Amino acid sequence: MHISLYLLVIGLQIYAIYFTIGFIICKIITQYYDFMFILKQLRRKKNINQTDLAVAIGVSLRTIQLYEKKDANIPIKNLTKIAQYFDVTIAELYSHEVNEDTDTYGDKVGGQKGIGTRLIGNGKILIDVPLLLEADEQMYLDRFVEKEDFVNQLPRMSFVLKKEEEAAHMAFEISGKSMDNGTLDGVPMNALVLGKEIPLEDLQQMVTNNRIYIIVHSDGILCKAIQAVNKDTETIHCHSYNKSPEYVNFTIEFGKVLQLYEIVKKQIDC
């Protein structure tokens, strides 16, 4: 009796595992099918062929053919180029259909100015935000006082969040290897991260937990862990995960910090 019950439990566990694997595979297949279908629709709407698209985004014809046959992983930079070319968001590249008569791709919910959000089921939100690439960092700083128009011209990318948040969000491309320690906790060079803006007035009350932040300051844009906040000297203590001696810890004065974003998501090209 006990053996039969044990075998039944084992059987149910094996069934659950296979069911879960099958569900994940179906989701992956559906995601790639959606992209393949939407890409063909967008080409037809723009009246271009695969060669035209390949030339426009700087890849080979074979690459576009692979994308449309769901036989290739698509780097995030190429997704961004495709989205920019068709004047859509990355989220919209994975929509189920294009409205042939209009430029609408479904209803957006909530969101702040310049940020789109969509409900995607299970209570989760797909958030569409501006992406600041490394090559655009200096121009962002140069135009910081009147940055809104510049931000509106940046490429977009999307992340999945568990719930909609009131805070402003922005995506960044990571430059340098100072936060790459070879573990999943690190942030390697060229990773794309989603930052949740922390109001500067909250700096004094920050509880340091060694989380990783994007620090926009007068001399540049950094990705660092904040080890401590010194209210007396009004400085934040920045720490690098990379143990190489070239990446030393340092401090930044409150007054030089223009923006502060806590990293809440990251995407890494493999």
C-alpha atoms as a PDB file:
ATOM      1  CA  MET A   1       0.000   0.000   0.000  1.00  0.00           C
ATOM      2  CA  HIS A   2       2.740   2.422   0.974  1.00  0.00           C
ATOM      3  CA  ILE A   3       4.746   1.515  -2.138  1.00  0.00           C
ATOM      4  CA  SER A   4       1.746   2.111  -4.406  1.00  0.00           C
ATOM      5  CA  LEU A   5       1.094   5.505  -2.800  1.00  0.00           C
ATOM      6  CA  TYR A   6       4.773   6.425  -3.154  1.00  0.00           C
ATOM      7  CA  LEU A   7       4.770   5.458  -6.845  1.00  0.00           C
ATOM      8  CA  LEU A   8       1.597   7.473  -7.378  1.00  0.00           C
ATOM      9  CA  VAL A   9       3.198  10.569  -5.834  1.00  0.00           C
ATOM     10  CA  ILE A  10       6.334  10.113  -7.940  1.00  0.00           C
ATOM     11  CA  GLY A  11       4.201   9.713 -11.050  1.00  0.00           C
ATOM     12  CA  LEU A  12       2.271  12.904 -10.334  1.00  0.00           C
ATOM     13  CA  GLN A  13       5.522  14.832  -9.780  1.00  0.00           C
ATOM     14  CA  ILE A  14       6.943  13.580 -13.093  1.00  0.00           C
ATOM     15  CA  TYR A  15       3.711  14.549 -14.844  1.00  0.00           C
ATOM     16  CA  ALA A  16       3.856  18.035 -13.303  1.00  0.00           C
ATOM     17  CA  ILE A  17       7.461  18.483 -14.465  1.00  0.00           C
ATOM     18  CA  TYR A  18       6.646  17.441 -18.043  1.00  0.00           C
ATOM     19  CA  PHE A  19       3.560  19.652 -18.056  1.00  0.00           C
ATOM     20  CA  THR A  20       5.609  22.657 -16.900  1.00  0.00           C
ATOM     21  CA  ILE A  21       8.337  22.018 -19.490  1.00  0.00           C
ATOM     22  CA  GLY A  22       5.708  21.685 -22.206  1.00  0.00           C
ATOM     23  CA  PHE A  23       4.062  24.944 -21.138  1.00  0.00           C
ATOM     24  CA  ILE A  24       7.378  26.819 -21.224  1.00  0.00           C
ATOM     25  CA  ILE A  25       8.214  25.432 -24.663  1.00  0.00           C
ATOM     26  CA  CYS A  26       4.783  26.464 -25.958  1.00  0.00           C
ATOM     27  CA  LYS A  27       5.277  29.987 -24.605  1.00  0.00           C
ATOM     28  CA  ILE A  28       8.675  30.265 -26.301  1.00  0.00           C
ATOM     29  CA  ILE A  29       7.309  28.973 -29.602  1.00  0.00           C
ATOM     30  CA  THR A  30       4.350  31.372 -29.393  1.00  0.00           C
ATOM     31  CA  GLN A  31       6.656  34.319 -28.645  1.00  0.00           C
ATOM     32  CA  TYR A  32       8.837  33.608 -31.671  1.00  0.00           C
ATOM     33  CA  TYR A  33       5.795  32.970 -33.865  1.00  0.00           C
ATOM     34  CA  ASP A  34       4.360  36.336 -32.836  1.00  0.00           C
ATOM     35  CA  PHE A  35       7.615  38.087 -33.745  1.00  0.00           C
ATOM     36  CA  MET A  36       7.907  36.257 -37.083  1.00  0.00           C
ATOM     37  CA  PHE A  37       4.311  37.159 -37.964  1.00  0.00           C
ATOM     38  CA  ILE A  38       4.522  40.806 -36.886  1.00  0.00           C
ATOM     39  CA  LEU A  39       7.802  41.348 -38.769  1.00  0.00           C
ATOM     40  CA  LYS A  40       6.251  40.128 -42.014  1.00  0.00           C
ATOM     41  CA  GLN A  41       3.198  42.309 -41.437  1.00  0.00           C
ATOM     42  CA  LEU A  42       5.330  45.374 -40.790  1.00  0.00           C
ATOM     43  CA  ARG A  43       7.313  44.775 -43.970  1.00  0.00           C
ATOM     44  CA  ARG A  44       4.126  44.450 -46.018  1.00  0.00           C
ATOM     45  CA  LYS A  45       2.690  47.607 -44.490  1.00  0.00           C
ATOM     46  CA  LYS A  46       5.879  49.521 -45.318  1.00  0.00           C
ATOM     47  CA  ASN A  47       6.022  47.853 -48.759  1.00  0.00           C
ATOM     48  CA  ILE A  48       9.609  46.617 -48.425  1.00  0.00           C
ATOM     49  CA  ASN A  49      11.233  43.226 -48.948  1.00  0.00           C
ATOM     50  CA  GLN A  50      13.658  41.305 -46.742  1.00  0.00           C
ATOM     51  CA  THR A  51      16.686  42.777 -48.525  1.00  0.00           C
ATOM     52  CA  ASP A  52      15.472  46.334 -47.892  1.00  0.00           C
ATOM     53  CA  LEU A  53      15.081  45.593 -44.180  1.00  0.00           C
ATOM     54  CA  ALA A  54      18.490  43.920 -43.971  1.00  0.00           C
ATOM     55  CA  VAL A  55      20.190  46.960 -45.506  1.00  0.00           C
ATOM     56  CA  ALA A  56      18.261  49.357 -43.258  1.00  0.00           C
ATOM     57  CA  ILE A  57      19.368  47.736 -39.993  1.00  0.00           C
ATOM     58  CA  GLY A  58      22.832  46.643 -41.155  1.00  0.00           C
ATOM     59  CA  VAL A  59      22.543  42.848 -41.221  1.00  0.00           C
ATOM     60  CA  SER A  60      22.645  40.214 -43.933  1.00  0.00           C
ATOM     61  CA  LEU A  61      19.641  38.996 -45.915  1.00  0.00           C
ATOM     62  CA  ARG A  62      20.179  35.563 -44.369  1.00  0.00           C
ATOM     63  CA  THR A  63      19.825  37.072 -40.892  1.00  0.00           C
ATOM     64  CA  ILE A  64      16.422  38.565 -41.716  1.00  0.00           C
ATOM     65  CA  GLN A  65      15.340  35.254 -43.221  1.00  0.00           C
ATOM     66  CA  LEU A  66      16.342  33.486 -40.013  1.00  0.00           C
ATOM     67  CA  TYR A  67      14.458  36.052 -37.916  1.00  0.00           C
ATOM     68  CA  GLU A  68      11.298  35.465 -39.923  1.00  0.00           C
ATOM     69  CA  LYS A  69      11.664  31.687 -39.633  1.00  0.00           C
ATOM     70  CA  LYS A  70      12.205  31.875 -35.854  1.00  0.00           C
ATOM     71  CA  ASP A  71      15.558  30.102 -36.265  1.00  0.00           C
ATOM     72  CA  ALA A  72      17.771  32.691 -34.569  1.00  0.00           C
ATOM     73  CA  ASN A  73      18.096  34.465 -31.240  1.00  0.00           C
ATOM     74  CA  ILE A  74      17.763  38.183 -31.873  1.00  0.00           C
ATOM     75  CA  PRO A  75      20.257  40.433 -30.035  1.00  0.00           C
ATOM     76  CA  ILE A  76      18.609  43.289 -28.174  1.00  0.00           C
ATOM     77  CA  LYS A  77      20.523  45.851 -30.266  1.00  0.00           C
ATOM     78  CA  ASN A  78      19.025  44.433 -33.473  1.00  0.00           C
ATOM     79  CA  LEU A  79      15.570  44.401 -31.893  1.00  0.00           C
ATOM     80  CA  THR A  80      16.079  48.079 -31.075  1.00  0.00           C
ATOM     81  CA  LYS A  81      17.131  48.847 -34.673  1.00  0.00           C
ATOM     82  CA  ILE A  82      14.116  47.005 -36.077  1.00  0.00           C
ATOM     83  CA  ALA A  83      11.767  48.811 -33.688  1.00  0.00           C
ATOM     84  CA  GLN A  84      13.252  52.190 -34.605  1.00  0.00           C
ATOM     85  CA  TYR A  85      13.025  51.457 -38.333  1.00  0.00           C
ATOM     86  CA  PHE A  86       9.327  50.633 -38.122  1.00  0.00           C
ATOM     87  CA  ASP A  87       8.677  53.358 -35.526  1.00  0.00           C
ATOM     88  CA  VAL A  88       7.276  50.923 -32.969  1.00  0.00           C
ATOM     89  CA  THR A  89       8.355  49.715 -29.546  1.00  0.00           C
ATOM     90  CA  ILE A  90      10.023  46.391 -28.832  1.00  0.00           C
ATOM     91  CA  ALA A  91       6.860  45.404 -26.988  1.00  0.00           C
ATOM     92  CA  GLU A  92       4.858  46.010 -30.164  1.00  0.00           C
ATOM     93  CA  LEU A  93       7.184  43.726 -32.135  1.00  0.00           C
ATOM     94  CA  TYR A  94       5.752  40.897 -30.050  1.00  0.00           C
ATOM     95  CA  SER A  95       2.121  41.924 -30.522  1.00  0.00           C
ATOM     96  CA  HIS A  96      -0.247  39.510 -32.241  1.00  0.00           C
ATOM     97  CA  GLU A  97      -1.235  41.709 -35.145  1.00  0.00           C
ATOM     98  CA  VAL A  98      -0.769  45.064 -36.840  1.00  0.00           C
ATOM     99  CA  ASN A  99      -3.787  47.167 -37.648  1.00  0.00           C
ATOM    100  CA  GLU A 100      -3.358  47.688 -41.382  1.00  0.00           C
ATOM    101  CA  ASP A 101      -5.308  50.961 -41.404  1.00  0.00           C
ATOM    102  CA  THR A 102      -3.844  52.713 -38.371  1.00  0.00           C
ATOM    103  CA  ASP A 103      -0.680  52.797 -36.314  1.00  0.00           C
ATOM    104  CA  THR A 104      -2.311  51.475 -33.151  1.00  0.00           C
ATOM    105  CA  TYR A 105      -1.193  48.246 -31.519  1.00  0.00           C
ATOM    106  CA  GLY A 106      -3.640  47.857 -28.647  1.00  0.00           C
ATOM    107  CA  ASP A 107      -4.611  49.865 -25.602  1.00  0.00           C
ATOM    108  CA  LYS A 108      -1.989  51.103 -23.195  1.00  0.00           C
ATOM    109  CA  VAL A 109      -2.801  51.382 -19.530  1.00  0.00           C
ATOM    110  CA  GLY A 110      -1.500  53.892 -16.995  1.00  0.00           C
ATOM    111  CA  GLY A 111       2.088  54.957 -17.389  1.00  0.00           C
ATOM    112  CA  GLN A 112       3.843  58.279 -17.063  1.00  0.00           C
ATOM    113  CA  LYS A 113       4.740  60.746 -19.757  1.00  0.00           C
ATOM    114  CA  GLY A 114       7.109  59.084 -22.208  1.00  0.00           C
ATOM    115  CA  ILE A 115       6.540  55.653 -20.666  1.00  0.00           C
ATOM    116  CA  GLY A 116       4.038  53.101 -21.974  1.00  0.00           C
ATOM    117  CA  THR A 117       2.654  50.201 -19.990  1.00  0.00           C
ATOM    118  CA  ARG A 118       0.556  47.191 -20.982  1.00  0.00           C
ATOM    119  CA  LEU A 119      -1.166  44.482 -19.008  1.00  0.00           C
ATOM    120  CA  ILE A 120       0.190  41.093 -20.134  1.00  0.00           C
ATOM    121  CA  GLY A 121      -1.624  38.709 -17.803  1.00  0.00           C
ATOM    122  CA  ASN A 122      -1.035  37.240 -14.361  1.00  0.00           C
ATOM    123  CA  GLY A 123      -1.054  40.768 -12.989  1.00  0.00           C
ATOM    124  CA  LYS A 124       2.215  41.636 -14.748  1.00  0.00           C
ATOM    125  CA  ILE A 125       3.017  44.825 -16.647  1.00  0.00           C
ATOM    126  CA  LEU A 126       5.072  45.309 -19.801  1.00  0.00           C
ATOM    127  CA  ILE A 127       6.774  48.690 -19.441  1.00  0.00           C
ATOM    128  CA  ASP A 128       8.176  50.550 -22.452  1.00  0.00           C
ATOM    129  CA  VAL A 129      10.883  53.106 -21.592  1.00  0.00           C
ATOM    130  CA  PRO A 130      13.569  55.284 -23.238  1.00  0.00           C
ATOM    131  CA  LEU A 131      16.942  53.554 -23.687  1.00  0.00           C
ATOM    132  CA  LEU A 132      20.117  55.603 -23.204  1.00  0.00           C
ATOM    133  CA  LEU A 133      22.946  53.897 -25.084  1.00  0.00           C
ATOM    134  CA  GLU A 134      26.585  54.466 -24.168  1.00  0.00           C
ATOM    135  CA  ALA A 135      27.153  56.469 -27.348  1.00  0.00           C
ATOM    136  CA  ASP A 136      24.439  58.959 -26.314  1.00  0.00           C
ATOM    137  CA  GLU A 137      25.543  59.535 -22.712  1.00  0.00           C
ATOM    138  CA  GLN A 138      27.576  62.696 -23.268  1.00  0.00           C
ATOM    139  CA  MET A 139      24.829  64.282 -25.357  1.00  0.00           C
ATOM    140  CA  TYR A 140      22.349  63.444 -22.586  1.00  0.00           C
ATOM    141  CA  LEU A 141      24.548  65.270 -20.071  1.00  0.00           C
ATOM    142  CA  ASP A 142      25.116  68.205 -22.432  1.00  0.00           C
ATOM    143  CA  ARG A 143      21.367  68.647 -22.856  1.00  0.00           C
ATOM    144  CA  PHE A 144      20.426  67.732 -19.305  1.00  0.00           C
ATOM    145  CA  VAL A 145      18.745  71.050 -18.461  1.00  0.00           C
ATOM    146  CA  GLU A 146      16.397  70.637 -21.430  1.00  0.00           C
ATOM    147  CA  LYS A 147      16.637  66.872 -21.792  1.00  0.00           C
ATOM    148  CA  GLU A 148      12.965  66.062 -22.415  1.00  0.00           C
ATOM    149  CA  ASP A 149      13.083  66.502 -26.212  1.00  0.00           C
ATOM    150  CA  PHE A 150      16.307  64.492 -26.383  1.00  0.00           C
ATOM    151  CA  VAL A 151      14.838  61.661 -24.287  1.00  0.00           C
ATOM    152  CA  ASN A 152      11.766  61.534 -26.528  1.00  0.00           C
ATOM    153  CA  GLN A 153      14.044  60.808 -29.499  1.00  0.00           C
ATOM    154  CA  LEU A 154      15.844  57.892 -27.821  1.00  0.00           C
ATOM    155  CA  PRO A 155      15.179  54.284 -28.838  1.00  0.00           C
ATOM    156  CA  ARG A 156      12.776  52.329 -26.661  1.00  0.00           C
ATOM    157  CA  MET A 157      12.893  48.955 -24.995  1.00  0.00           C
ATOM    158  CA  SER A 158      10.596  46.922 -22.788  1.00  0.00           C
ATOM    159  CA  PHE A 159      10.775  45.065 -19.496  1.00  0.00           C
ATOM    160  CA  VAL A 160       8.275  42.971 -17.552  1.00  0.00           C
ATOM    161  CA  LEU A 161       7.392  44.176 -14.036  1.00  0.00           C
ATOM    162  CA  LYS A 162       5.260  42.474 -11.412  1.00  0.00           C
ATOM    163  CA  LYS A 163       3.202  45.622 -10.926  1.00  0.00           C
ATOM    164  CA  GLU A 164       2.933  49.178 -12.166  1.00  0.00           C
ATOM    165  CA  GLU A 165       4.936  51.674 -10.126  1.00  0.00           C
ATOM    166  CA  GLU A 166       4.588  55.414  -9.764  1.00  0.00           C
ATOM    167  CA  ALA A 167       8.338  56.038 -10.086  1.00  0.00           C
ATOM    168  CA  ALA A 168       9.862  57.168 -13.371  1.00  0.00           C
ATOM    169  CA  HIS A 169      11.905  54.522 -15.221  1.00  0.00           C
ATOM    170  CA  MET A 170      14.650  54.614 -17.838  1.00  0.00           C
ATOM    171  CA  ALA A 171      16.882  51.995 -19.472  1.00  0.00           C
ATOM    172  CA  PHE A 172      20.665  52.279 -19.751  1.00  0.00           C
ATOM    173  CA  GLU A 173      23.444  50.466 -21.597  1.00  0.00           C
ATOM    174  CA  ILE A 174      26.288  49.635 -19.222  1.00  0.00           C
ATOM    175  CA  SER A 175      29.765  50.801 -20.187  1.00  0.00           C
ATOM    176  CA  GLY A 176      32.885  49.358 -18.592  1.00  0.00           C
ATOM    177  CA  LYS A 177      33.507  46.263 -16.488  1.00  0.00           C
ATOM    178  CA  SER A 178      33.607  47.727 -12.987  1.00  0.00           C
ATOM    179  CA  MET A 179      30.435  45.906 -11.893  1.00  0.00           C
ATOM    180  CA  ASP A 180      31.256  42.584 -13.578  1.00  0.00           C
ATOM    181  CA  ASN A 181      32.421  40.046 -11.011  1.00  0.00           C
ATOM    182  CA  GLY A 182      31.569  36.998 -13.086  1.00  0.00           C
ATOM    183  CA  THR A 183      28.431  36.152 -11.085  1.00  0.00           C
ATOM    184  CA  LEU A 184      24.715  36.620 -11.674  1.00  0.00           C
ATOM    185  CA  ASP A 185      24.766  39.478  -9.162  1.00  0.00           C
ATOM    186  CA  GLY A 186      27.144  41.497 -11.335  1.00  0.00           C
ATOM    187  CA  VAL A 187      26.384  43.720 -14.300  1.00  0.00           C
ATOM    188  CA  PRO A 188      28.640  43.036 -17.303  1.00  0.00           C
ATOM    189  CA  MET A 189      29.641  45.554 -19.937  1.00  0.00           C
ATOM    190  CA  ASN A 190      26.959  46.171 -22.598  1.00  0.00           C
ATOM    191  CA  ALA A 191      24.168  44.825 -20.393  1.00  0.00           C
ATOM    192  CA  LEU A 192      20.904  46.748 -20.683  1.00  0.00           C
ATOM    193  CA  VAL A 193      19.326  47.632 -17.350  1.00  0.00           C
ATOM    194  CA  LEU A 194      16.068  49.157 -16.180  1.00  0.00           C
ATOM    195  CA  GLY A 195      16.438  51.873 -13.566  1.00  0.00           C
ATOM    196  CA  LYS A 196      13.750  53.152 -11.187  1.00  0.00           C
ATOM    197  CA  GLU A 197      14.375  56.814 -10.389  1.00  0.00           C
ATOM    198  CA  ILE A 198      15.032  57.678  -6.762  1.00  0.00           C
ATOM    199  CA  PRO A 199      14.106  61.279  -5.850  1.00  0.00           C
ATOM    200  CA  LEU A 200      17.245  63.209  -4.899  1.00  0.00           C
ATOM    201  CA  GLU A 201      15.556  64.495  -1.766  1.00  0.00           C
ATOM    202  CA  ASP A 202      15.527  60.875  -0.561  1.00  0.00           C
ATOM    203  CA  LEU A 203      19.340  60.663  -0.614  1.00  0.00           C
ATOM    204  CA  GLN A 204      19.629  61.796   3.001  1.00  0.00           C
ATOM    205  CA  GLN A 205      17.228  59.065   4.137  1.00  0.00           C
ATOM    206  CA  MET A 206      18.613  56.252   1.988  1.00  0.00           C
ATOM    207  CA  VAL A 207      19.133  52.957   3.780  1.00  0.00           C
ATOM    208  CA  THR A 208      22.273  51.525   2.196  1.00  0.00           C
ATOM    209  CA  ASN A 209      21.930  47.901   1.171  1.00  0.00           C
ATOM    210  CA  ASN A 210      24.700  47.623  -1.415  1.00  0.00           C
ATOM    211  CA  ARG A 211      22.183  47.586  -4.253  1.00  0.00           C
ATOM    212  CA  ILE A 212      23.343  48.681  -7.684  1.00  0.00           C
ATOM    213  CA  TYR A 213      22.443  52.100  -9.044  1.00  0.00           C
ATOM    214  CA  ILE A 214      22.870  54.222 -12.137  1.00  0.00           C
ATOM    215  CA  ILE A 215      24.340  57.507 -10.937  1.00  0.00           C
ATOM    216  CA  VAL A 216      23.963  60.434 -13.330  1.00  0.00           C
ATOM    217  CA  HIS A 217      26.345  63.136 -12.127  1.00  0.00           C
ATOM    218  CA  SER A 218      28.019  66.204 -13.537  1.00  0.00           C
ATOM    219  CA  ASP A 219      31.080  64.299 -14.799  1.00  0.00           C
ATOM    220  CA  GLY A 220      29.464  61.206 -16.265  1.00  0.00           C
ATOM    221  CA  ILE A 221      27.063  58.293 -15.878  1.00  0.00           C
ATOM    222  CA  LEU A 222      28.144  55.434 -13.618  1.00  0.00           C
ATOM    223  CA  CYS A 223      26.902  52.013 -12.606  1.00  0.00           C
ATOM    224  CA  LYS A 224      27.908  51.391  -8.981  1.00  0.00           C
ATOM    225  CA  ALA A 225      26.826  49.810  -5.727  1.00  0.00           C
ATOM    226  CA  ILE A 226      26.202  52.338  -2.971  1.00  0.00           C
ATOM    227  CA  GLN A 227      27.911  51.133   0.194  1.00  0.00           C
ATOM    228  CA  ALA A 228      27.138  54.064   2.447  1.00  0.00           C
ATOM    229  CA  VAL A 229      25.553  57.506   2.588  1.00  0.00           C
ATOM    230  CA  ASN A 230      27.324  60.006   4.815  1.00  0.00           C
ATOM    231  CA  LYS A 231      24.863  62.680   5.887  1.00  0.00           C
ATOM    232  CA  ASP A 232      27.531  64.748   7.652  1.00  0.00           C
ATOM    233  CA  THR A 233      29.809  65.104   4.633  1.00  0.00           C
ATOM    234  CA  GLU A 234      26.871  64.779   2.181  1.00  0.00           C
ATOM    235  CA  THR A 235      28.586  62.112   0.114  1.00  0.00           C
ATOM    236  CA  ILE A 236      27.697  58.687  -1.215  1.00  0.00           C
ATOM    237  CA  HIS A 237      30.290  55.906  -1.115  1.00  0.00           C
ATOM    238  CA  CYS A 238      30.494  53.999  -4.402  1.00  0.00           C
ATOM    239  CA  HIS A 239      31.722  50.410  -4.675  1.00  0.00           C
ATOM    240  CA  SER A 240      32.774  48.264  -7.656  1.00  0.00           C
ATOM    241  CA  TYR A 241      32.087  44.506  -7.790  1.00  0.00           C
ATOM    242  CA  ASN A 242      35.109  43.868 -10.005  1.00  0.00           C
ATOM    243  CA  LYS A 243      38.080  43.073  -7.749  1.00  0.00           C
ATOM    244  CA  SER A 244      40.669  44.298 -10.247  1.00  0.00           C
ATOM    245  CA  PRO A 245      42.860  47.022  -8.638  1.00  0.00           C
ATOM    246  CA  GLU A 246      41.915  49.537 -11.325  1.00  0.00           C
ATOM    247  CA  TYR A 247      38.358  49.706  -9.945  1.00  0.00           C
ATOM    248  CA  VAL A 248      38.754  51.541  -6.637  1.00  0.00           C
ATOM    249  CA  ASN A 249      36.003  52.747  -4.342  1.00  0.00           C
ATOM    250  CA  PHE A 250      35.304  56.487  -4.226  1.00  0.00           C
ATOM    251  CA  THR A 251      32.800  59.086  -3.027  1.00  0.00           C
ATOM    252  CA  ILE A 252      30.536  61.537  -4.851  1.00  0.00           C
ATOM    253  CA  GLU A 253      29.103  64.697  -3.321  1.00  0.00           C
ATOM    254  CA  PHE A 254      25.319  64.980  -3.135  1.00  0.00           C
ATOM    255  CA  GLY A 255      25.491  68.250  -5.042  1.00  0.00           C
ATOM    256  CA  LYS A 256      27.058  66.588  -8.098  1.00  0.00           C
ATOM    257  CA  VAL A 257      24.340  63.936  -8.422  1.00  0.00           C
ATOM    258  CA  LEU A 258      21.828  64.887 -11.127  1.00  0.00           C
ATOM    259  CA  GLN A 259      19.764  61.706 -11.108  1.00  0.00           C
ATOM    260  CA  LEU A 260      19.799  58.393  -9.284  1.00  0.00           C
ATOM    261  CA  TYR A 261      18.242  55.174 -10.583  1.00  0.00           C
ATOM    262  CA  GLU A 262      18.063  51.885  -8.709  1.00  0.00           C
ATOM    263  CA  ILE A 263      18.561  48.953 -11.097  1.00  0.00           C
ATOM    264  CA  VAL A 264      15.495  46.715 -10.906  1.00  0.00           C
ATOM    265  CA  LYS A 265      15.923  44.610 -14.076  1.00  0.00           C
ATOM    266  CA  LYS A 266      18.730  43.677 -16.453  1.00  0.00           C
ATOM    267  CA  GLN A 267      19.035  42.038 -19.847  1.00  0.00           C
ATOM    268  CA  ILE A 268      22.302  40.462 -20.934  1.00  0.00           C
ATOM    269  CA  ASP A 269      23.209  39.326 -24.441  1.00  0.00           C
ATOM    270  CA  CYS A 270      24.685  35.845 -24.332  1.00  0.00           C
END
